Amino acid sequence: MKKLLLIGGLVGSLFGFNNIVNNVNSNYNYVVEGKVVKAYTQNGYGRRQTQWLFIDVKTKNGIKQVAIAPTFRISNLPINEGDEVKVNGITPLRFPAGVIKAWDIYDVTQKKDYPISGGNYGSRRGW
């Protein structure tokens, strides 16, 4: 049995499976800084298609869509359009590429920090 596991590990590293996992994890966390151009609700992603709070943040590289939380968790967030924000987040597996799930939002204009709780931020599952 030990020989079989050793051979499986060698074959996996030979074909680069370990590198694939490391590359996915290294590109997983995001920091988005910019001005809020739009705050809205829309259907989220995943199995339930529930309503989510979203903000669009204008950065140097374009507009980034940031998912905050389902409306049953957070119904209102006092971030206004035109506020400068810094968003820390991830892209969960069920989300499209480029959509960021926020786990912390710092409003530079109001000098307030909004940690978004309820997520599973250390794992790759998201909400």
Protein backbone atom coordinates (compact mmCIF):
# COMPACT_ATOMS: atom_id res chain seq x y z
CA MET A 1 0.00 0.00 0.00
CA LYS A 2 2.84 2.40 0.83
CA LYS A 3 4.43 1.73 -2.55
CA LEU A 4 1.14 2.51 -4.30
CA LEU A 5 0.76 5.85 -2.47
CA LEU A 6 4.36 6.77 -3.22
CA ILE A 7 3.92 5.99 -6.91
CA GLY A 8 0.66 8.01 -6.99
CA GLY A 9 2.42 11.00 -5.44
CA LEU A 10 5.30 10.77 -7.88
CA VAL A 11 2.97 10.52 -10.88
CA GLY A 12 0.94 13.50 -9.61
CA SER A 13 4.02 15.67 -9.18
CA LEU A 14 5.40 14.50 -12.54
CA PHE A 15 2.31 15.72 -14.37
CA GLY A 16 2.09 18.97 -12.40
CA PHE A 17 -1.02 18.30 -10.29
CA ASN A 18 0.60 19.85 -7.22
CA ASN A 19 1.46 23.00 -9.21
CA ILE A 20 -2.12 23.37 -10.39
CA VAL A 21 -3.40 23.37 -6.81
CA ASN A 22 -0.77 25.90 -5.72
CA ASN A 23 -1.53 28.23 -8.64
CA VAL A 24 -5.26 28.19 -7.88
CA ASN A 25 -4.67 29.03 -4.22
CA SER A 26 -2.17 31.81 -4.93
CA ASN A 27 -4.62 33.75 -7.14
CA TYR A 28 -7.54 33.38 -4.77
CA ASN A 29 -7.42 36.56 -2.63
CA TYR A 30 -8.13 39.98 -4.09
CA VAL A 31 -7.81 43.59 -2.98
CA VAL A 32 -9.90 46.09 -4.93
CA GLU A 33 -9.45 49.83 -4.37
CA GLY A 34 -11.51 52.51 -6.05
CA LYS A 35 -14.72 54.52 -6.12
CA VAL A 36 -18.20 53.00 -5.80
CA VAL A 37 -20.13 53.79 -8.98
CA LYS A 38 -23.23 51.69 -8.32
CA ALA A 39 -24.87 49.91 -5.36
CA TYR A 40 -27.68 47.46 -6.14
CA THR A 41 -29.31 44.09 -5.49
CA GLN A 42 -29.59 41.24 -7.96
CA ASN A 43 -29.80 37.46 -8.03
CA GLY A 44 -26.64 35.93 -6.65
CA TYR A 45 -24.78 32.85 -7.71
CA GLY A 46 -25.02 29.29 -6.54
CA ARG A 47 -27.90 26.91 -6.20
CA ARG A 48 -30.51 29.12 -4.57
CA GLN A 49 -30.31 32.25 -6.74
CA THR A 50 -31.19 34.49 -3.78
CA GLN A 51 -31.02 38.29 -3.84
CA TRP A 52 -27.56 39.71 -3.01
CA LEU A 53 -26.17 43.17 -2.32
CA PHE A 54 -23.61 44.20 -4.95
CA ILE A 55 -21.42 47.23 -5.56
CA ASP A 56 -19.50 48.15 -8.68
CA VAL A 57 -16.08 49.65 -7.93
CA LYS A 58 -14.23 51.72 -10.53
CA THR A 59 -10.51 50.90 -10.35
CA LYS A 60 -7.51 51.76 -12.52
CA ASN A 61 -8.12 48.54 -14.46
CA GLY A 62 -11.85 48.99 -15.03
CA ILE A 63 -15.04 48.33 -13.11
CA LYS A 64 -15.07 45.35 -10.71
CA GLN A 65 -18.29 43.74 -9.51
CA VAL A 66 -18.23 43.02 -5.77
CA ALA A 67 -20.78 40.72 -4.13
CA ILE A 68 -21.32 41.67 -0.49
CA ALA A 69 -23.85 39.25 1.01
CA PRO A 70 -27.33 37.82 0.53
CA THR A 71 -30.05 40.28 1.54
CA PHE A 72 -31.29 37.92 4.25
CA ARG A 73 -27.88 38.33 5.98
CA ILE A 74 -27.32 42.06 5.37
CA SER A 75 -30.28 44.10 4.17
CA ASN A 76 -28.56 47.49 4.07
CA LEU A 77 -24.96 48.68 4.09
CA PRO A 78 -24.23 52.41 4.60
CA ILE A 79 -21.82 52.69 1.66
CA ASN A 80 -22.82 55.40 -0.80
CA GLU A 81 -22.13 55.82 -4.48
CA GLY A 82 -19.04 58.00 -4.85
CA ASP A 83 -17.32 56.67 -1.72
CA GLU A 84 -13.72 55.50 -1.98
CA VAL A 85 -13.47 51.90 -0.76
CA LYS A 86 -10.89 49.17 -0.25
CA VAL A 87 -12.37 45.67 -0.59
CA ASN A 88 -10.68 42.43 0.46
CA GLY A 89 -12.30 39.36 -1.01
CA ILE A 90 -12.17 36.09 -2.87
CA THR A 91 -13.81 34.48 -5.88
CA PRO A 92 -15.70 31.38 -4.68
CA LEU A 93 -15.98 28.40 -7.00
CA ARG A 94 -19.64 29.00 -7.90
CA PHE A 95 -19.02 32.64 -8.84
CA PRO A 96 -18.08 33.72 -12.37
CA ALA A 97 -14.49 34.82 -12.96
CA GLY A 98 -14.02 38.47 -12.11
CA VAL A 99 -16.81 38.69 -9.53
CA ILE A 100 -15.36 39.18 -6.06
CA LYS A 101 -17.05 38.09 -2.82
CA ALA A 102 -16.16 40.67 -0.18
CA TRP A 103 -15.04 39.57 3.28
CA ASP A 104 -13.99 43.05 4.43
CA ILE A 105 -14.88 46.51 3.11
CA TYR A 106 -13.11 49.64 4.33
CA ASP A 107 -14.87 52.88 3.39
CA VAL A 108 -12.03 55.41 3.04
CA THR A 109 -14.45 58.34 2.68
CA GLN A 110 -16.35 57.61 5.91
CA LYS A 111 -13.32 56.02 7.64
CA LYS A 112 -15.36 52.95 8.63
CA ASP A 113 -14.56 49.26 8.39
CA TYR A 114 -17.29 46.75 7.55
CA PRO A 115 -16.18 43.16 8.16
CA ILE A 116 -18.65 40.89 6.41
CA SER A 117 -19.27 37.84 8.59
CA GLY A 118 -20.95 34.55 7.87
CA GLY A 119 -18.69 33.40 5.06
CA ASN A 120 -16.21 30.60 5.00
CA TYR A 121 -13.26 32.68 3.86
CA GLY A 122 -10.41 30.29 4.61
CA SER A 123 -11.78 27.62 2.33
CA ARG A 124 -12.63 27.48 -1.34
CA ARG A 125 -16.38 27.03 -0.75
CA GLY A 126 -17.54 30.61 -0.21
CA TRP A 127 -21.20 30.97 0.70
